Protein backbone atom coordinates (compact mmCIF):
# COMPACT_ATOMS: atom_id res chain seq x y z
CA MET A 1 -88.20 37.84 -61.20
CA PHE A 2 -87.96 41.62 -61.00
CA THR A 3 -86.73 44.27 -58.56
CA GLY A 4 -89.35 47.01 -58.91
CA ILE A 5 -86.80 49.48 -60.28
CA ILE A 6 -88.31 50.94 -63.46
CA GLU A 7 -85.97 51.12 -66.46
CA ALA A 8 -88.03 53.01 -69.02
CA PHE A 9 -91.46 53.99 -70.26
CA GLY A 10 -93.41 52.29 -72.98
CA ARG A 11 -95.99 54.31 -74.88
CA VAL A 12 -98.98 52.27 -76.09
CA SER A 13 -99.07 52.63 -79.88
CA GLU A 14 -101.67 49.98 -80.75
CA LEU A 15 -104.25 47.81 -78.98
CA LYS A 16 -105.64 44.86 -80.91
CA LYS A 17 -108.28 42.45 -79.60
CA GLU A 18 -108.18 38.81 -80.68
CA ASP A 19 -110.91 36.72 -79.09
CA SER A 20 -110.49 37.44 -75.34
CA ASN A 21 -106.80 38.40 -75.70
CA LEU A 22 -105.37 41.89 -76.05
CA HIS A 23 -102.21 42.41 -78.13
CA ILE A 24 -100.40 45.50 -76.86
CA THR A 25 -97.80 47.18 -79.07
CA LEU A 26 -95.51 49.67 -77.36
CA GLU A 27 -92.87 52.12 -78.49
CA SER A 28 -89.87 52.15 -76.16
CA GLU A 29 -86.15 52.79 -76.05
CA LEU A 30 -85.84 49.21 -74.75
CA ALA A 31 -87.29 47.72 -77.97
CA SER A 32 -83.95 47.46 -79.77
CA SER A 33 -82.46 45.36 -76.96
CA LEU A 34 -85.39 42.92 -76.71
CA LYS A 35 -85.89 39.53 -78.25
CA ILE A 36 -88.91 37.32 -78.74
CA ASP A 37 -89.75 35.23 -75.65
CA GLN A 38 -88.30 37.70 -73.12
CA SER A 39 -90.26 38.56 -69.99
CA ILE A 40 -90.88 42.22 -69.22
CA ALA A 41 -92.91 43.77 -66.40
CA HIS A 42 -95.56 46.23 -67.66
CA ASN A 43 -96.93 48.29 -64.76
CA GLY A 44 -95.78 45.30 -62.72
CA VAL A 45 -97.39 42.64 -64.95
CA CYS A 46 -95.00 40.05 -66.38
CA LEU A 47 -95.70 39.61 -70.11
CA THR A 48 -93.81 37.85 -72.91
CA VAL A 49 -92.48 39.61 -76.01
CA ILE A 50 -94.06 38.06 -79.14
CA GLU A 51 -92.80 40.55 -81.79
CA CYS A 52 -90.12 43.23 -81.77
CA ASN A 53 -88.06 45.57 -83.92
CA SER A 54 -85.79 48.54 -83.19
CA ARG A 55 -88.64 50.85 -82.02
CA PHE A 56 -91.68 48.75 -81.18
CA TYR A 57 -92.54 45.46 -79.53
CA THR A 58 -95.73 43.52 -78.85
CA VAL A 59 -96.96 41.49 -75.87
CA THR A 60 -100.26 39.67 -75.27
CA ALA A 61 -102.46 39.94 -72.20
CA ILE A 62 -104.94 37.10 -71.74
CA ASP A 63 -108.41 37.44 -70.23
CA GLU A 64 -107.17 36.49 -66.71
CA THR A 65 -104.59 39.28 -66.83
CA LEU A 66 -107.06 41.84 -68.17
CA ASN A 67 -109.56 41.01 -65.41
CA LYS A 68 -107.05 41.22 -62.53
CA THR A 69 -104.92 44.20 -63.57
CA ASN A 70 -105.29 47.71 -64.97
CA LEU A 71 -104.08 46.63 -68.44
CA GLY A 72 -107.68 46.21 -69.59
CA ASN A 73 -108.12 49.99 -69.13
CA LEU A 74 -105.23 50.90 -71.46
CA GLN A 75 -105.70 53.42 -74.24
CA GLU A 76 -103.40 54.34 -77.09
CA GLY A 77 -100.88 56.94 -75.92
CA ASP A 78 -100.79 55.72 -72.29
CA LEU A 79 -97.40 55.47 -70.58
CA ILE A 80 -96.48 52.14 -68.99
CA ASN A 81 -93.65 51.48 -66.52
CA LEU A 82 -91.20 48.90 -67.91
CA GLU A 83 -88.64 46.64 -66.27
CA ARG A 84 -86.74 43.76 -67.83
CA ALA A 85 -86.22 40.63 -65.75
CA MET A 86 -83.33 40.83 -63.30
CA LYS A 87 -80.06 39.02 -63.97
CA LEU A 88 -78.56 36.71 -61.38
CA GLY A 89 -75.65 38.46 -59.74
CA ASP A 90 -77.11 41.97 -60.13
CA ARG A 91 -77.77 44.22 -57.15
CA LEU A 92 -81.32 43.97 -55.82
CA ASP A 93 -82.02 47.70 -55.47
CA GLY A 94 -85.77 47.36 -54.86
CA HIS A 95 -87.23 44.14 -53.45
CA MET A 96 -88.10 40.71 -54.85
CA VAL A 97 -90.99 41.19 -57.28
CA GLN A 98 -92.56 38.32 -59.23
CA GLY A 99 -94.48 40.33 -61.81
CA HIS A 100 -97.70 38.61 -60.70
CA VAL A 101 -100.23 41.29 -59.79
CA ASP A 102 -102.36 40.37 -56.77
CA GLN A 103 -105.11 42.94 -57.27
CA THR A 104 -105.81 46.53 -58.24
CA ALA A 105 -106.29 49.59 -56.03
CA GLU A 106 -107.71 53.07 -56.48
CA CYS A 107 -105.80 56.26 -55.76
CA VAL A 108 -107.96 58.02 -53.17
CA SER A 109 -105.67 60.99 -52.55
CA PHE A 110 -102.36 62.52 -53.53
CA SER A 111 -100.61 65.70 -52.51
CA SER A 112 -97.36 67.57 -52.94
CA GLN A 113 -95.16 67.57 -49.85
CA GLU A 114 -92.73 70.37 -50.82
CA GLY A 115 -90.25 68.27 -52.76
CA SER A 116 -91.97 64.88 -52.65
CA TRP A 117 -95.47 63.49 -53.20
CA SER A 118 -97.74 61.42 -50.96
CA TYR A 119 -100.22 58.95 -52.47
CA THR A 120 -102.90 56.93 -50.69
CA PHE A 121 -104.41 53.83 -52.31
CA ALA A 122 -107.52 51.90 -51.22
CA TYR A 123 -107.91 48.19 -52.00
CA ASP A 124 -110.32 45.33 -51.28
CA ASN A 125 -108.93 43.75 -48.11
CA ASN A 126 -111.20 40.69 -48.42
CA LYS A 127 -108.59 39.03 -50.66
CA GLY A 128 -106.20 38.32 -47.77
CA ASN A 129 -103.52 40.82 -48.78
CA ILE A 130 -101.92 43.05 -46.16
CA THR A 131 -99.45 45.89 -45.84
CA ILE A 132 -97.31 46.90 -42.88
CA GLU A 133 -95.58 50.19 -42.17
CA LYS A 134 -92.00 50.14 -43.50
CA GLY A 135 -92.90 47.03 -45.53
CA SER A 136 -92.53 46.70 -49.28
CA ILE A 137 -95.29 47.12 -51.87
CA THR A 138 -95.22 47.27 -55.65
CA VAL A 139 -97.47 49.87 -57.32
CA ASN A 140 -97.59 49.69 -61.14
CA GLY A 141 -94.33 47.76 -60.94
CA VAL A 142 -92.54 50.34 -58.74
CA SER A 143 -90.90 49.03 -55.55
CA LEU A 144 -91.98 51.29 -52.68
CA THR A 145 -92.01 51.45 -48.89
CA VAL A 146 -95.35 51.73 -47.07
CA ILE A 147 -95.41 54.81 -44.82
CA ASP A 148 -98.94 54.45 -43.45
CA SER A 149 -100.79 51.14 -43.29
CA LYS A 150 -104.49 50.73 -42.58
CA GLU A 151 -106.83 47.74 -42.97
CA ASP A 152 -107.88 48.58 -46.53
CA ARG A 153 -105.48 51.32 -47.62
CA PHE A 154 -101.88 52.43 -47.44
CA SER A 155 -99.77 55.46 -48.30
CA VAL A 156 -96.41 55.82 -50.02
CA ALA A 157 -94.03 58.76 -50.52
CA ILE A 158 -92.59 59.44 -53.96
CA ILE A 159 -89.26 61.21 -54.48
CA PRO A 160 -88.78 63.56 -57.46
CA TYR A 161 -86.74 61.02 -59.46
CA THR A 162 -89.45 58.35 -59.17
CA TYR A 163 -92.17 60.91 -59.92
CA ALA A 164 -90.45 61.94 -63.16
CA HIS A 165 -89.17 58.53 -64.32
CA THR A 166 -92.30 56.41 -63.71
CA ASN A 167 -95.95 56.95 -64.55
CA PHE A 168 -96.63 58.25 -61.02
CA HIS A 169 -96.84 61.76 -62.53
CA LYS A 170 -99.95 60.49 -64.38
CA ILE A 171 -101.65 59.03 -61.28
CA VAL A 172 -104.52 61.16 -59.94
CA THR A 173 -107.47 60.54 -57.63
CA GLY A 174 -109.63 57.77 -59.10
CA LYS A 175 -106.83 56.19 -61.15
CA ILE A 176 -106.61 52.37 -60.92
CA VAL A 177 -103.16 50.88 -60.26
CA ASN A 178 -101.72 47.36 -60.06
CA LEU A 179 -100.55 46.01 -56.69
CA GLU A 180 -98.14 43.21 -55.92
CA PHE A 181 -97.88 42.66 -52.19
CA ASP A 182 -94.67 41.59 -50.46
CA LEU A 183 -93.85 37.94 -51.23
CA ILE A 184 -92.87 37.05 -47.66
CA GLY A 185 -95.92 38.85 -46.27
CA LYS A 186 -98.19 36.84 -48.59
CA TYR A 187 -96.79 33.53 -47.35
CA LEU A 188 -97.02 34.56 -43.70
CA SER A 189 -100.58 35.80 -44.20
CA LYS A 190 -101.60 32.52 -45.84
CA LEU A 191 -100.02 30.45 -43.04
CA TYR A 192 -101.72 32.62 -40.41
CA LEU A 193 -105.13 32.35 -42.10
CA LYS A 194 -104.86 28.53 -42.14
CA LYS A 195 -104.74 28.39 -38.34
């Protein structure tokens, strides 16, 4: 379980295919504090550490993960948002995030708002996922509040700290991002659709 509060960047240093799997090696300041078998969210995708040392660590994304997230588009040098799993008893500064990406979305617009940034993302609404204004959404692992909700798109506002300390400063029109919709909203939507 995660909170959607990004701790650090990881820079992709190596991508290695093995059958349908992709081994991703990252350089990060978190590497020295990691251990094998730990769960870390990568752009919101929960992956397990399989190798680590003081500067680098490696995780594996299976075919299912590569098909449903933006990790299959990674290139060496890309920056990834990182968050270690939350500890029981810690403050929940974002919202409850599972690290299970529901689908991807495309950035269809972004603009500077004189001190903040506005981003709009479009997604396939045939998968049963919804947003609501003032509801929570996770974009590339970042816990955010929806400011404008439409049937197949939503907007979020990004403060300067988030812009600088996540990979939002790399998101431009056409960029594909990972979405995890609000856990409670997903359950309510599923119950509603059953009726």
